[in-house]
Amino acid sequence: GFLARPLGGMLLGRLGDVVGRPQVLMISIFM
C-alpha cells in the first residue's frame, strides 16, 4: 500500500493543482 503512494500522490496531487484541493479531499476519503 505504501509503495502505491507515490502514484497516488502524482494522480491526486495533479488533480488538486488542476481541479482544486477540496475535490481531492472528497475523493481520497472515499478511496
mmCIF file of all heavy atoms, coordinates in Angstrom:
data_MODEL
# 
_entry.id   MODEL 
# 
loop_
_atom_site.group_PDB 
_atom_site.id 
_atom_site.type_symbol 
_atom_site.label_atom_id 
_atom_site.label_alt_id 
_atom_site.label_comp_id 
_atom_site.label_asym_id 
_atom_site.label_entity_id 
_atom_site.label_seq_id 
_atom_site.pdbx_PDB_ins_code 
_atom_site.Cartn_x 
_atom_site.Cartn_y 
_atom_site.Cartn_z 
_atom_site.occupancy 
_atom_site.B_iso_or_equiv 
_atom_site.pdbx_formal_charge 
_atom_site.auth_seq_id 
_atom_site.auth_comp_id 
_atom_site.auth_asym_id 
_atom_site.auth_atom_id 
_atom_site.pdbx_PDB_model_num 
ATOM 1   N N   . GLY A 1 1  ? 0.821   -1.204 0.000   1.00 0.00 ? 1  GLY A N   1 
ATOM 2   C CA  . GLY A 1 1  ? 0.000   0.000  0.000   1.00 0.00 ? 1  GLY A CA  1 
ATOM 3   C C   . GLY A 1 1  ? 0.854   1.253  0.000   1.00 0.00 ? 1  GLY A C   1 
ATOM 4   O O   . GLY A 1 1  ? 0.553   2.228  -0.694  1.00 0.00 ? 1  GLY A O   1 
ATOM 5   N N   . PHE A 1 2  ? 1.945   1.229  0.739   1.00 0.00 ? 2  PHE A N   1 
ATOM 6   C CA  . PHE A 1 2  ? 2.805   2.399  0.794   1.00 0.00 ? 2  PHE A CA  1 
ATOM 7   C C   . PHE A 1 2  ? 3.572   2.598  -0.504  1.00 0.00 ? 2  PHE A C   1 
ATOM 8   O O   . PHE A 1 2  ? 3.833   3.728  -0.907  1.00 0.00 ? 2  PHE A O   1 
ATOM 9   C CB  . PHE A 1 2  ? 3.774   2.265  1.971   1.00 0.00 ? 2  PHE A CB  1 
ATOM 10  C CG  . PHE A 1 2  ? 3.162   2.694  3.262   1.00 0.00 ? 2  PHE A CG  1 
ATOM 11  C CD1 . PHE A 1 2  ? 2.295   1.858  3.948   1.00 0.00 ? 2  PHE A CD1 1 
ATOM 12  C CD2 . PHE A 1 2  ? 3.419   3.942  3.781   1.00 0.00 ? 2  PHE A CD2 1 
ATOM 13  C CE1 . PHE A 1 2  ? 1.706   2.253  5.127   1.00 0.00 ? 2  PHE A CE1 1 
ATOM 14  C CE2 . PHE A 1 2  ? 2.839   4.357  4.974   1.00 0.00 ? 2  PHE A CE2 1 
ATOM 15  C CZ  . PHE A 1 2  ? 1.976   3.508  5.646   1.00 0.00 ? 2  PHE A CZ  1 
ATOM 16  N N   . LEU A 1 3  ? 3.921   1.507  -1.171  1.00 0.00 ? 3  LEU A N   1 
ATOM 17  C CA  . LEU A 1 3  ? 4.636   1.640  -2.436  1.00 0.00 ? 3  LEU A CA  1 
ATOM 18  C C   . LEU A 1 3  ? 3.743   2.232  -3.519  1.00 0.00 ? 3  LEU A C   1 
ATOM 19  O O   . LEU A 1 3  ? 4.240   2.773  -4.513  1.00 0.00 ? 3  LEU A O   1 
ATOM 20  C CB  . LEU A 1 3  ? 5.178   0.267  -2.870  1.00 0.00 ? 3  LEU A CB  1 
ATOM 21  C CG  . LEU A 1 3  ? 6.266   -0.310 -1.949  1.00 0.00 ? 3  LEU A CG  1 
ATOM 22  C CD1 . LEU A 1 3  ? 6.647   -1.714 -2.378  1.00 0.00 ? 3  LEU A CD1 1 
ATOM 23  C CD2 . LEU A 1 3  ? 7.501   0.591  -1.934  1.00 0.00 ? 3  LEU A CD2 1 
ATOM 24  N N   . ALA A 1 4  ? 2.410   2.127  -3.338  1.00 0.00 ? 4  ALA A N   1 
ATOM 25  C CA  . ALA A 1 4  ? 1.474   2.745  -4.284  1.00 0.00 ? 4  ALA A CA  1 
ATOM 26  C C   . ALA A 1 4  ? 1.301   4.235  -4.028  1.00 0.00 ? 4  ALA A C   1 
ATOM 27  O O   . ALA A 1 4  ? 0.717   4.952  -4.848  1.00 0.00 ? 4  ALA A O   1 
ATOM 28  C CB  . ALA A 1 4  ? 0.109   2.041  -4.200  1.00 0.00 ? 4  ALA A CB  1 
ATOM 29  N N   . ARG A 1 5  ? 1.795   4.720  -2.893  1.00 0.00 ? 5  ARG A N   1 
ATOM 30  C CA  . ARG A 1 5  ? 1.569   6.115  -2.521  1.00 0.00 ? 5  ARG A CA  1 
ATOM 31  C C   . ARG A 1 5  ? 2.147   7.127  -3.503  1.00 0.00 ? 5  ARG A C   1 
ATOM 32  O O   . ARG A 1 5  ? 1.484   8.125  -3.808  1.00 0.00 ? 5  ARG A O   1 
ATOM 33  C CB  . ARG A 1 5  ? 2.114   6.369  -1.111  1.00 0.00 ? 5  ARG A CB  1 
ATOM 34  C CG  . ARG A 1 5  ? 1.259   5.752  -0.038  1.00 0.00 ? 5  ARG A CG  1 
ATOM 35  C CD  . ARG A 1 5  ? 1.837   5.954  1.340   1.00 0.00 ? 5  ARG A CD  1 
ATOM 36  N NE  . ARG A 1 5  ? 1.977   7.371  1.656   1.00 0.00 ? 5  ARG A NE  1 
ATOM 37  C CZ  . ARG A 1 5  ? 2.141   7.821  2.884   1.00 0.00 ? 5  ARG A CZ  1 
ATOM 38  N NH1 . ARG A 1 5  ? 2.167   6.990  3.906   1.00 0.00 ? 5  ARG A NH1 1 
ATOM 39  N NH2 . ARG A 1 5  ? 2.267   9.108  3.103   1.00 0.00 ? 5  ARG A NH2 1 
ATOM 40  N N   . PRO A 1 6  ? 3.362   6.938  -4.035  1.00 0.00 ? 6  PRO A N   1 
ATOM 41  C CA  . PRO A 1 6  ? 3.859   7.944  -4.988  1.00 0.00 ? 6  PRO A CA  1 
ATOM 42  C C   . PRO A 1 6  ? 2.953   8.099  -6.207  1.00 0.00 ? 6  PRO A C   1 
ATOM 43  O O   . PRO A 1 6  ? 2.734   9.218  -6.672  1.00 0.00 ? 6  PRO A O   1 
ATOM 44  C CB  . PRO A 1 6  ? 5.238   7.390  -5.380  1.00 0.00 ? 6  PRO A CB  1 
ATOM 45  C CG  . PRO A 1 6  ? 5.656   6.571  -4.203  1.00 0.00 ? 6  PRO A CG  1 
ATOM 46  C CD  . PRO A 1 6  ? 4.396   5.945  -3.705  1.00 0.00 ? 6  PRO A CD  1 
ATOM 47  N N   . LEU A 1 7  ? 2.415   6.978  -6.728  1.00 0.00 ? 7  LEU A N   1 
ATOM 48  C CA  . LEU A 1 7  ? 1.493   7.065  -7.866  1.00 0.00 ? 7  LEU A CA  1 
ATOM 49  C C   . LEU A 1 7  ? 0.219   7.797  -7.457  1.00 0.00 ? 7  LEU A C   1 
ATOM 50  O O   . LEU A 1 7  ? -0.283  8.659  -8.192  1.00 0.00 ? 7  LEU A O   1 
ATOM 51  C CB  . LEU A 1 7  ? 1.158   5.671  -8.388  1.00 0.00 ? 7  LEU A CB  1 
ATOM 52  C CG  . LEU A 1 7  ? 0.144   5.613  -9.543  1.00 0.00 ? 7  LEU A CG  1 
ATOM 53  C CD1 . LEU A 1 7  ? 0.662   6.399  -10.750 1.00 0.00 ? 7  LEU A CD1 1 
ATOM 54  C CD2 . LEU A 1 7  ? -0.137  4.156  -9.929  1.00 0.00 ? 7  LEU A CD2 1 
ATOM 55  N N   . GLY A 1 8  ? -0.304  7.469  -6.278  1.00 0.00 ? 8  GLY A N   1 
ATOM 56  C CA  . GLY A 1 8  ? -1.482  8.175  -5.782  1.00 0.00 ? 8  GLY A CA  1 
ATOM 57  C C   . GLY A 1 8  ? -1.207  9.653  -5.596  1.00 0.00 ? 8  GLY A C   1 
ATOM 58  O O   . GLY A 1 8  ? -2.051  10.503 -5.905  1.00 0.00 ? 8  GLY A O   1 
ATOM 59  N N   . GLY A 1 9  ? -0.006  9.971  -5.088  1.00 0.00 ? 9  GLY A N   1 
ATOM 60  C CA  . GLY A 1 9  ? 0.363   11.371 -4.923  1.00 0.00 ? 9  GLY A CA  1 
ATOM 61  C C   . GLY A 1 9  ? 0.420   12.107 -6.242  1.00 0.00 ? 9  GLY A C   1 
ATOM 62  O O   . GLY A 1 9  ? -0.033  13.253 -6.347  1.00 0.00 ? 9  GLY A O   1 
ATOM 63  N N   . MET A 1 10 ? 0.964   11.453 -7.276  1.00 0.00 ? 10 MET A N   1 
ATOM 64  C CA  . MET A 1 10 ? 1.054   12.088 -8.581  1.00 0.00 ? 10 MET A CA  1 
ATOM 65  C C   . MET A 1 10 ? -0.337  12.323 -9.175  1.00 0.00 ? 10 MET A C   1 
ATOM 66  O O   . MET A 1 10 ? -0.646  13.412 -9.676  1.00 0.00 ? 10 MET A O   1 
ATOM 67  C CB  . MET A 1 10 ? 1.884   11.225 -9.535  1.00 0.00 ? 10 MET A CB  1 
ATOM 68  C CG  . MET A 1 10 ? 2.105   11.857 -10.903 1.00 0.00 ? 10 MET A CG  1 
ATOM 69  S SD  . MET A 1 10 ? 3.207   10.872 -11.942 1.00 0.00 ? 10 MET A SD  1 
ATOM 70  C CE  . MET A 1 10 ? 4.751   11.055 -11.056 1.00 0.00 ? 10 MET A CE  1 
ATOM 71  N N   . LEU A 1 11 ? -1.213  11.294 -9.100  1.00 0.00 ? 11 LEU A N   1 
ATOM 72  C CA  . LEU A 1 11 ? -2.545  11.407 -9.687  1.00 0.00 ? 11 LEU A CA  1 
ATOM 73  C C   . LEU A 1 11 ? -3.419  12.398 -8.922  1.00 0.00 ? 11 LEU A C   1 
ATOM 74  O O   . LEU A 1 11 ? -4.000  13.329 -9.500  1.00 0.00 ? 11 LEU A O   1 
ATOM 75  C CB  . LEU A 1 11 ? -3.211  10.029 -9.727  1.00 0.00 ? 11 LEU A CB  1 
ATOM 76  C CG  . LEU A 1 11 ? -2.548  8.982  -10.615 1.00 0.00 ? 11 LEU A CG  1 
ATOM 77  C CD1 . LEU A 1 11 ? -3.238  7.629  -10.454 1.00 0.00 ? 11 LEU A CD1 1 
ATOM 78  C CD2 . LEU A 1 11 ? -2.570  9.409  -12.079 1.00 0.00 ? 11 LEU A CD2 1 
ATOM 79  N N   . LEU A 1 12 ? -3.524  12.206 -7.603  1.00 0.00 ? 12 LEU A N   1 
ATOM 80  C CA  . LEU A 1 12 ? -4.400  13.063 -6.811  1.00 0.00 ? 12 LEU A CA  1 
ATOM 81  C C   . LEU A 1 12 ? -3.781  14.446 -6.589  1.00 0.00 ? 12 LEU A C   1 
ATOM 82  O O   . LEU A 1 12 ? -4.509  15.446 -6.517  1.00 0.00 ? 12 LEU A O   1 
ATOM 83  C CB  . LEU A 1 12 ? -4.724  12.399 -5.476  1.00 0.00 ? 12 LEU A CB  1 
ATOM 84  C CG  . LEU A 1 12 ? -5.544  11.102 -5.575  1.00 0.00 ? 12 LEU A CG  1 
ATOM 85  C CD1 . LEU A 1 12 ? -5.774  10.511 -4.187  1.00 0.00 ? 12 LEU A CD1 1 
ATOM 86  C CD2 . LEU A 1 12 ? -6.869  11.335 -6.267  1.00 0.00 ? 12 LEU A CD2 1 
ATOM 87  N N   . GLY A 1 13 ? -2.463  14.508 -6.486  1.00 0.00 ? 13 GLY A N   1 
ATOM 88  C CA  . GLY A 1 13 ? -1.806  15.801 -6.348  1.00 0.00 ? 13 GLY A CA  1 
ATOM 89  C C   . GLY A 1 13 ? -2.009  16.656 -7.585  1.00 0.00 ? 13 GLY A C   1 
ATOM 90  O O   . GLY A 1 13 ? -2.304  17.856 -7.496  1.00 0.00 ? 13 GLY A O   1 
ATOM 91  N N   . ARG A 1 14 ? -1.860  16.061 -8.755  1.00 0.00 ? 14 ARG A N   1 
ATOM 92  C CA  . ARG A 1 14 ? -2.093  16.793 -10.003 1.00 0.00 ? 14 ARG A CA  1 
ATOM 93  C C   . ARG A 1 14 ? -3.541  17.272 -10.067 1.00 0.00 ? 14 ARG A C   1 
ATOM 94  O O   . ARG A 1 14 ? -3.831  18.402 -10.475 1.00 0.00 ? 14 ARG A O   1 
ATOM 95  C CB  . ARG A 1 14 ? -1.768  15.913 -11.200 1.00 0.00 ? 14 ARG A CB  1 
ATOM 96  C CG  . ARG A 1 14 ? -1.856  16.662 -12.528 1.00 0.00 ? 14 ARG A CG  1 
ATOM 97  C CD  . ARG A 1 14 ? -1.558  15.765 -13.724 1.00 0.00 ? 14 ARG A CD  1 
ATOM 98  N NE  . ARG A 1 14 ? -1.436  16.550 -14.938 1.00 0.00 ? 14 ARG A NE  1 
ATOM 99  C CZ  . ARG A 1 14 ? -2.452  17.025 -15.644 1.00 0.00 ? 14 ARG A CZ  1 
ATOM 100 N NH1 . ARG A 1 14 ? -3.703  16.812 -15.219 1.00 0.00 ? 14 ARG A NH1 1 
ATOM 101 N NH2 . ARG A 1 14 ? -2.264  17.735 -16.740 1.00 0.00 ? 14 ARG A NH2 1 
ATOM 102 N N   . LEU A 1 15 ? -4.458  16.409 -9.652  1.00 0.00 ? 15 LEU A N   1 
ATOM 103 C CA  . LEU A 1 15 ? -5.871  16.791 -9.633  1.00 0.00 ? 15 LEU A CA  1 
ATOM 104 C C   . LEU A 1 15 ? -6.086  17.986 -8.705  1.00 0.00 ? 15 LEU A C   1 
ATOM 105 O O   . LEU A 1 15 ? -6.862  18.901 -9.009  1.00 0.00 ? 15 LEU A O   1 
ATOM 106 C CB  . LEU A 1 15 ? -6.709  15.600 -9.170  1.00 0.00 ? 15 LEU A CB  1 
ATOM 107 C CG  . LEU A 1 15 ? -8.215  15.637 -9.452  1.00 0.00 ? 15 LEU A CG  1 
ATOM 108 C CD1 . LEU A 1 15 ? -8.488  15.684 -10.943 1.00 0.00 ? 15 LEU A CD1 1 
ATOM 109 C CD2 . LEU A 1 15 ? -8.894  14.428 -8.835  1.00 0.00 ? 15 LEU A CD2 1 
ATOM 110 N N   . GLY A 1 16 ? -5.388  17.990 -7.556  1.00 0.00 ? 16 GLY A N   1 
ATOM 111 C CA  . GLY A 1 16 ? -5.509  19.099 -6.625  1.00 0.00 ? 16 GLY A CA  1 
ATOM 112 C C   . GLY A 1 16 ? -5.020  20.410 -7.213  1.00 0.00 ? 16 GLY A C   1 
ATOM 113 O O   . GLY A 1 16 ? -5.602  21.474 -6.959  1.00 0.00 ? 16 GLY A O   1 
ATOM 114 N N   . ASP A 1 17 ? -3.926  20.354 -8.010  1.00 0.00 ? 17 ASP A N   1 
ATOM 115 C CA  . ASP A 1 17 ? -3.400  21.572 -8.622  1.00 0.00 ? 17 ASP A CA  1 
ATOM 116 C C   . ASP A 1 17 ? -4.248  22.042 -9.796  1.00 0.00 ? 17 ASP A C   1 
ATOM 117 O O   . ASP A 1 17 ? -4.356  23.237 -10.064 1.00 0.00 ? 17 ASP A O   1 
ATOM 118 C CB  . ASP A 1 17 ? -1.957  21.342 -9.101  1.00 0.00 ? 17 ASP A CB  1 
ATOM 119 C CG  . ASP A 1 17 ? -0.952  21.347 -7.958  1.00 0.00 ? 17 ASP A CG  1 
ATOM 120 O OD1 . ASP A 1 17 ? -1.171  22.100 -6.992  1.00 0.00 ? 17 ASP A OD1 1 
ATOM 121 O OD2 . ASP A 1 17 ? 0.028   20.600 -8.026  1.00 0.00 ? 17 ASP A OD2 1 
ATOM 122 N N   . VAL A 1 18 ? -4.875  21.112 -10.518 1.00 0.00 ? 18 VAL A N   1 
ATOM 123 C CA  . VAL A 1 18 ? -5.611  21.455 -11.734 1.00 0.00 ? 18 VAL A CA  1 
ATOM 124 C C   . VAL A 1 18 ? -7.091  21.706 -11.456 1.00 0.00 ? 18 VAL A C   1 
ATOM 125 O O   . VAL A 1 18 ? -7.689  22.636 -12.000 1.00 0.00 ? 18 VAL A O   1 
ATOM 126 C CB  . VAL A 1 18 ? -5.450  20.330 -12.795 1.00 0.00 ? 18 VAL A CB  1 
ATOM 127 C CG1 . VAL A 1 18 ? -6.327  20.594 -14.011 1.00 0.00 ? 18 VAL A CG1 1 
ATOM 128 C CG2 . VAL A 1 18 ? -3.984  20.212 -13.208 1.00 0.00 ? 18 VAL A CG2 1 
ATOM 129 N N   . VAL A 1 19 ? -7.704  20.895 -10.589 1.00 0.00 ? 19 VAL A N   1 
ATOM 130 C CA  . VAL A 1 19 ? -9.147  20.995 -10.331 1.00 0.00 ? 19 VAL A CA  1 
ATOM 131 C C   . VAL A 1 19 ? -9.437  21.720 -9.024  1.00 0.00 ? 19 VAL A C   1 
ATOM 132 O O   . VAL A 1 19 ? -10.374 22.523 -8.943  1.00 0.00 ? 19 VAL A O   1 
ATOM 133 C CB  . VAL A 1 19 ? -9.791  19.584 -10.322 1.00 0.00 ? 19 VAL A CB  1 
ATOM 134 C CG1 . VAL A 1 19 ? -11.276 19.664 -9.996  1.00 0.00 ? 19 VAL A CG1 1 
ATOM 135 C CG2 . VAL A 1 19 ? -9.586  18.905 -11.662 1.00 0.00 ? 19 VAL A CG2 1 
ATOM 136 N N   . GLY A 1 20 ? -8.659  21.416 -7.963  1.00 0.00 ? 20 GLY A N   1 
ATOM 137 C CA  . GLY A 1 20 ? -8.881  22.079 -6.683  1.00 0.00 ? 20 GLY A CA  1 
ATOM 138 C C   . GLY A 1 20 ? -8.632  21.165 -5.513  1.00 0.00 ? 20 GLY A C   1 
ATOM 139 O O   . GLY A 1 20 ? -8.793  19.937 -5.612  1.00 0.00 ? 20 GLY A O   1 
ATOM 140 N N   . ARG A 1 21 ? -8.227  21.726 -4.370  1.00 0.00 ? 21 ARG A N   1 
ATOM 141 C CA  . ARG A 1 21 ? -7.927  20.937 -3.172  1.00 0.00 ? 21 ARG A CA  1 
ATOM 142 C C   . ARG A 1 21 ? -9.166  20.231 -2.605  1.00 0.00 ? 21 ARG A C   1 
ATOM 143 O O   . ARG A 1 21 ? -9.103  19.047 -2.263  1.00 0.00 ? 21 ARG A O   1 
ATOM 144 C CB  . ARG A 1 21 ? -7.337  21.818 -2.077  1.00 0.00 ? 21 ARG A CB  1 
ATOM 145 C CG  . ARG A 1 21 ? -6.028  22.545 -2.235  1.00 0.00 ? 21 ARG A CG  1 
ATOM 146 C CD  . ARG A 1 21 ? -5.343  22.693 -3.489  1.00 0.00 ? 21 ARG A CD  1 
ATOM 147 N NE  . ARG A 1 21 ? -4.195  23.605 -3.374  1.00 0.00 ? 21 ARG A NE  1 
ATOM 148 C CZ  . ARG A 1 21 ? -3.366  23.851 -4.364  1.00 0.00 ? 21 ARG A CZ  1 
ATOM 149 N NH1 . ARG A 1 21 ? -3.540  23.263 -5.545  1.00 0.00 ? 21 ARG A NH1 1 
ATOM 150 N NH2 . ARG A 1 21 ? -2.340  24.673 -4.194  1.00 0.00 ? 21 ARG A NH2 1 
ATOM 151 N N   . PRO A 1 22 ? -10.317 20.909 -2.467  1.00 0.00 ? 22 PRO A N   1 
ATOM 152 C CA  . PRO A 1 22 ? -11.481 20.254 -1.846  1.00 0.00 ? 22 PRO A CA  1 
ATOM 153 C C   . PRO A 1 22 ? -11.951 19.005 -2.585  1.00 0.00 ? 22 PRO A C   1 
ATOM 154 O O   . PRO A 1 22 ? -12.379 18.033 -1.961  1.00 0.00 ? 22 PRO A O   1 
ATOM 155 C CB  . PRO A 1 22 ? -12.559 21.349 -1.882  1.00 0.00 ? 22 PRO A CB  1 
ATOM 156 C CG  . PRO A 1 22 ? -11.794 22.638 -1.899  1.00 0.00 ? 22 PRO A CG  1 
ATOM 157 C CD  . PRO A 1 22 ? -10.593 22.337 -2.742  1.00 0.00 ? 22 PRO A CD  1 
ATOM 158 N N   . GLN A 1 23 ? -11.877 19.020 -3.929  1.00 0.00 ? 23 GLN A N   1 
ATOM 159 C CA  . GLN A 1 23 ? -12.321 17.860 -4.696  1.00 0.00 ? 23 GLN A CA  1 
ATOM 160 C C   . GLN A 1 23 ? -11.471 16.630 -4.382  1.00 0.00 ? 23 GLN A C   1 
ATOM 161 O O   . GLN A 1 23 ? -11.980 15.513 -4.254  1.00 0.00 ? 23 GLN A O   1 
ATOM 162 C CB  . GLN A 1 23 ? -12.262 18.175 -6.204  1.00 0.00 ? 23 GLN A CB  1 
ATOM 163 C CG  . GLN A 1 23 ? -13.335 19.132 -6.675  1.00 0.00 ? 23 GLN A CG  1 
ATOM 164 C CD  . GLN A 1 23 ? -13.018 20.601 -6.387  1.00 0.00 ? 23 GLN A CD  1 
ATOM 165 O OE1 . GLN A 1 23 ? -12.034 20.903 -5.716  1.00 0.00 ? 23 GLN A OE1 1 
ATOM 166 N NE2 . GLN A 1 23 ? -13.856 21.497 -6.875  1.00 0.00 ? 23 GLN A NE2 1 
ATOM 167 N N   . VAL A 1 24 ? -10.173 16.841 -4.246  1.00 0.00 ? 24 VAL A N   1 
ATOM 168 C CA  . VAL A 1 24 ? -9.271  15.726 -3.924  1.00 0.00 ? 24 VAL A CA  1 
ATOM 169 C C   . VAL A 1 24 ? -9.570  15.182 -2.533  1.00 0.00 ? 24 VAL A C   1 
ATOM 170 O O   . VAL A 1 24 ? -9.543  13.959 -2.314  1.00 0.00 ? 24 VAL A O   1 
ATOM 171 C CB  . VAL A 1 24 ? -7.800  16.190 -4.023  1.00 0.00 ? 24 VAL A CB  1 
ATOM 172 C CG1 . VAL A 1 24 ? -6.861  15.129 -3.460  1.00 0.00 ? 24 VAL A CG1 1 
ATOM 173 C CG2 . VAL A 1 24 ? -7.436  16.486 -5.454  1.00 0.00 ? 24 VAL A CG2 1 
ATOM 174 N N   . LEU A 1 25 ? -9.861  16.064 -1.594  1.00 0.00 ? 25 LEU A N   1 
ATOM 175 C CA  . LEU A 1 25 ? -10.130 15.624 -0.230  1.00 0.00 ? 25 LEU A CA  1 
ATOM 176 C C   . LEU A 1 25 ? -11.384 14.755 -0.153  1.00 0.00 ? 25 LEU A C   1 
ATOM 177 O O   . LEU A 1 25 ? -11.455 13.837 0.674   1.00 0.00 ? 25 LEU A O   1 
ATOM 178 C CB  . LEU A 1 25 ? -10.270 16.846 0.685   1.00 0.00 ? 25 LEU A CB  1 
ATOM 179 C CG  . LEU A 1 25 ? -8.991  17.675 0.878   1.00 0.00 ? 25 LEU A CG  1 
ATOM 180 C CD1 . LEU A 1 25 ? -9.267  18.909 1.725   1.00 0.00 ? 25 LEU A CD1 1 
ATOM 181 C CD2 . LEU A 1 25 ? -7.877  16.846 1.498   1.00 0.00 ? 25 LEU A CD2 1 
ATOM 182 N N   . MET A 1 26 ? -12.370 14.999 -1.005  1.00 0.00 ? 26 MET A N   1 
ATOM 183 C CA  . MET A 1 26 ? -13.567 14.156 -1.036  1.00 0.00 ? 26 MET A CA  1 
ATOM 184 C C   . MET A 1 26 ? -13.252 12.789 -1.657  1.00 0.00 ? 26 MET A C   1 
ATOM 185 O O   . MET A 1 26 ? -13.674 11.743 -1.151  1.00 0.00 ? 26 MET A O   1 
ATOM 186 C CB  . MET A 1 26 ? -14.679 14.846 -1.826  1.00 0.00 ? 26 MET A CB  1 
ATOM 187 C CG  . MET A 1 26 ? -15.257 16.073 -1.139  1.00 0.00 ? 26 MET A CG  1 
ATOM 188 S SD  . MET A 1 26 ? -16.127 15.687 0.400   1.00 0.00 ? 26 MET A SD  1 
ATOM 189 C CE  . MET A 1 26 ? -17.639 14.963 -0.242  1.00 0.00 ? 26 MET A CE  1 
ATOM 190 N N   . ILE A 1 27 ? -12.505 12.794 -2.750  1.00 0.00 ? 27 ILE A N   1 
ATOM 191 C CA  . ILE A 1 27 ? -12.172 11.537 -3.438  1.00 0.00 ? 27 ILE A CA  1 
ATOM 192 C C   . ILE A 1 27 ? -11.338 10.629 -2.541  1.00 0.00 ? 27 ILE A C   1 
ATOM 193 O O   . ILE A 1 27 ? -11.584 9.419  -2.441  1.00 0.00 ? 27 ILE A O   1 
ATOM 194 C CB  . ILE A 1 27 ? -11.421 11.838 -4.750  1.00 0.00 ? 27 ILE A CB  1 
ATOM 195 C CG1 . ILE A 1 27 ? -12.363 12.505 -5.761  1.00 0.00 ? 27 ILE A CG1 1 
ATOM 196 C CG2 . ILE A 1 27 ? -10.846 10.546 -5.353  1.00 0.00 ? 27 ILE A CG2 1 
ATOM 197 C CD1 . ILE A 1 27 ? -11.640 13.068 -6.972  1.00 0.00 ? 27 ILE A CD1 1 
ATOM 198 N N   . SER A 1 28 ? -10.349 11.190 -1.881  1.00 0.00 ? 28 SER A N   1 
ATOM 199 C CA  . SER A 1 28 ? -9.411  10.374 -1.108  1.00 0.00 ? 28 SER A CA  1 
ATOM 200 C C   . SER A 1 28 ? -10.088 9.669  0.062   1.00 0.00 ? 28 SER A C   1 
ATOM 201 O O   . SER A 1 28 ? -9.748  8.524  0.385   1.00 0.00 ? 28 SER A O   1 
ATOM 202 C CB  . SER A 1 28 ? -8.237  11.222 -0.611  1.00 0.00 ? 28 SER A CB  1 
ATOM 203 O OG  . SER A 1 28 ? -8.682  12.217 0.289   1.00 0.00 ? 28 SER A OG  1 
ATOM 204 N N   . ILE A 1 29 ? -11.056 10.329 0.705   1.00 0.00 ? 29 ILE A N   1 
ATOM 205 C CA  . ILE A 1 29 ? -11.702 9.690  1.857   1.00 0.00 ? 29 ILE A CA  1 
ATOM 206 C C   . ILE A 1 29 ? -12.595 8.530  1.422   1.00 0.00 ? 29 ILE A C   1 
ATOM 207 O O   . ILE A 1 29 ? -12.709 7.515  2.111   1.00 0.00 ? 29 ILE A O   1 
ATOM 208 C CB  . ILE A 1 29 ? -12.474 10.730 2.706   1.00 0.00 ? 29 ILE A CB  1 
ATOM 209 C CG1 . ILE A 1 29 ? -12.656 10.188 4.129   1.00 0.00 ? 29 ILE A CG1 1 
ATOM 210 C CG2 . ILE A 1 29 ? -13.802 11.104 2.083   1.00 0.00 ? 29 ILE A CG2 1 
ATOM 211 C CD1 . ILE A 1 29 ? -13.091 11.245 5.126   1.00 0.00 ? 29 ILE A CD1 1 
ATOM 212 N N   . PHE A 1 30 ? -13.211 8.642  0.228   1.00 0.00 ? 30 PHE A N   1 
ATOM 213 C CA  . PHE A 1 30 ? -13.968 7.520  -0.333  1.00 0.00 ? 30 PHE A CA  1 
ATOM 214 C C   . PHE A 1 30 ? -13.049 6.328  -0.587  1.00 0.00 ? 30 PHE A C   1 
ATOM 215 O O   . PHE A 1 30 ? -13.384 5.175  -0.281  1.00 0.00 ? 30 PHE A O   1 
ATOM 216 C CB  . PHE A 1 30 ? -14.618 7.932  -1.668  1.00 0.00 ? 30 PHE A CB  1 
ATOM 217 C CG  . PHE A 1 30 ? -16.031 8.405  -1.538  1.00 0.00 ? 30 PHE A CG  1 
ATOM 218 C CD1 . PHE A 1 30 ? -16.378 9.698  -1.899  1.00 0.00 ? 30 PHE A CD1 1 
ATOM 219 C CD2 . PHE A 1 30 ? -17.033 7.569  -1.067  1.00 0.00 ? 30 PHE A CD2 1 
ATOM 220 C CE1 . PHE A 1 30 ? -17.681 10.161 -1.781  1.00 0.00 ? 30 PHE A CE1 1 
ATOM 221 C CE2 . PHE A 1 30 ? -18.344 8.011  -0.948  1.00 0.00 ? 30 PHE A CE2 1 
ATOM 222 C CZ  . PHE A 1 30 ? -18.662 9.306  -1.310  1.00 0.00 ? 30 PHE A CZ  1 
ATOM 223 N N   . MET A 1 31 ? -11.886 6.606  -1.168  1.00 0.00 ? 31 MET A N   1 
ATOM 224 C CA  . MET A 1 31 ? -10.964 5.532  -1.553  1.00 0.00 ? 31 MET A CA  1 
ATOM 225 C C   . MET A 1 31 ? -10.383 4.807  -0.343  1.00 0.00 ? 31 MET A C   1 
ATOM 226 O O   . MET A 1 31 ? -9.879  3.687  -0.478  1.00 0.00 ? 31 MET A O   1 
ATOM 227 C CB  . MET A 1 31 ? -9.824  6.104  -2.406  1.00 0.00 ? 31 MET A CB  1 
ATOM 228 C CG  . MET A 1 31 ? -10.248 6.530  -3.792  1.00 0.00 ? 31 MET A CG  1 
ATOM 229 S SD  . MET A 1 31 ? -8.889  7.332  -4.692  1.00 0.00 ? 31 MET A SD  1 
ATOM 230 C CE  . MET A 1 31 ? -7.706  5.994  -4.825  1.00 0.00 ? 31 MET A CE  1 
# 
